[in-house]
Amino acid sequence: MIELKQGHIADFVERTKGAPSTNTLS
C-alpha cells in the first residue's frame, strides 16, 4: 500500500512541478 502512496505522491509532485498553476490539493 505504501508503494501506491509513494507513486501517487510522485505523480502529484510531477504535476505540481509541471504545472504549478494547477492546484490538485483543492
N, C-alpha and C. Protein backbone atom coordinates (compact mmCIF):
# COMPACT_ATOMS: atom_id res chain seq x y z
N MET A 1 0.85 -1.21 0.00
CA MET A 1 0.00 0.00 0.00
C MET A 1 0.88 1.25 0.00
N ILE A 2 2.00 1.17 0.70
CA ILE A 2 2.90 2.33 0.75
C ILE A 2 3.40 2.64 -0.66
N GLU A 3 3.64 1.57 -1.44
CA GLU A 3 4.14 1.79 -2.81
C GLU A 3 3.13 2.62 -3.60
N LEU A 4 1.86 2.31 -3.44
CA LEU A 4 0.82 3.05 -4.16
C LEU A 4 0.84 4.51 -3.72
N LYS A 5 1.00 4.71 -2.42
CA LYS A 5 1.02 6.09 -1.90
C LYS A 5 2.21 6.84 -2.48
N GLN A 6 3.38 6.19 -2.46
CA GLN A 6 4.58 6.85 -2.99
C GLN A 6 4.38 7.20 -4.46
N GLY A 7 3.78 6.27 -5.22
CA GLY A 7 3.55 6.53 -6.64
C GLY A 7 2.62 7.71 -6.81
N HIS A 8 1.58 7.77 -5.98
CA HIS A 8 0.62 8.88 -6.08
C HIS A 8 1.31 10.20 -5.76
N ILE A 9 2.13 10.18 -4.73
CA ILE A 9 2.86 11.41 -4.34
C ILE A 9 3.79 11.85 -5.46
N ALA A 10 4.47 10.87 -6.07
CA ALA A 10 5.40 11.18 -7.16
C ALA A 10 4.63 11.83 -8.30
N ASP A 11 3.46 11.28 -8.61
CA ASP A 11 2.64 11.84 -9.69
C ASP A 11 2.21 13.26 -9.32
N PHE A 12 1.84 13.44 -8.05
CA PHE A 12 1.40 14.76 -7.60
C PHE A 12 2.54 15.78 -7.71
N VAL A 13 3.73 15.34 -7.29
CA VAL A 13 4.90 16.24 -7.35
C VAL A 13 5.19 16.60 -8.80
N GLU A 14 5.14 15.58 -9.67
CA GLU A 14 5.42 15.84 -11.09
C GLU A 14 4.39 16.82 -11.65
N ARG A 15 3.13 16.63 -11.27
CA ARG A 15 2.07 17.52 -11.77
C ARG A 15 2.30 18.94 -11.22
N THR A 16 2.63 19.05 -9.96
CA THR A 16 2.85 20.37 -9.37
C THR A 16 4.05 21.05 -10.02
N LYS A 17 5.09 20.25 -10.30
CA LYS A 17 6.29 20.83 -10.90
C LYS A 17 6.01 21.22 -12.35
N GLY A 18 5.23 20.38 -13.04
CA GLY A 18 4.93 20.64 -14.46
C GLY A 18 3.95 21.80 -14.59
N ALA A 19 2.99 21.88 -13.68
CA ALA A 19 2.00 22.96 -13.78
C ALA A 19 1.68 23.49 -12.38
N PRO A 20 2.52 24.36 -11.85
CA PRO A 20 2.29 24.93 -10.51
C PRO A 20 1.01 25.75 -10.45
N SER A 21 0.54 26.16 -11.62
CA SER A 21 -0.68 26.97 -11.65
C SER A 21 -1.88 26.13 -11.25
N THR A 22 -1.79 24.82 -11.53
CA THR A 22 -2.93 23.93 -11.21
C THR A 22 -2.76 23.40 -9.79
N ASN A 23 -3.74 23.64 -8.95
CA ASN A 23 -3.67 23.14 -7.57
C ASN A 23 -4.50 21.87 -7.43
N THR A 24 -3.82 20.73 -7.22
CA THR A 24 -4.56 19.47 -7.08
C THR A 24 -4.97 19.25 -5.63
N LEU A 25 -4.52 20.14 -4.74
CA LEU A 25 -4.86 19.98 -3.32
C LEU A 25 -6.33 20.34 -3.08
N SER A 26 -6.85 21.21 -3.90
CA SER A 26 -8.24 21.66 -3.72
C SER A 26 -9.15 20.45 -3.62
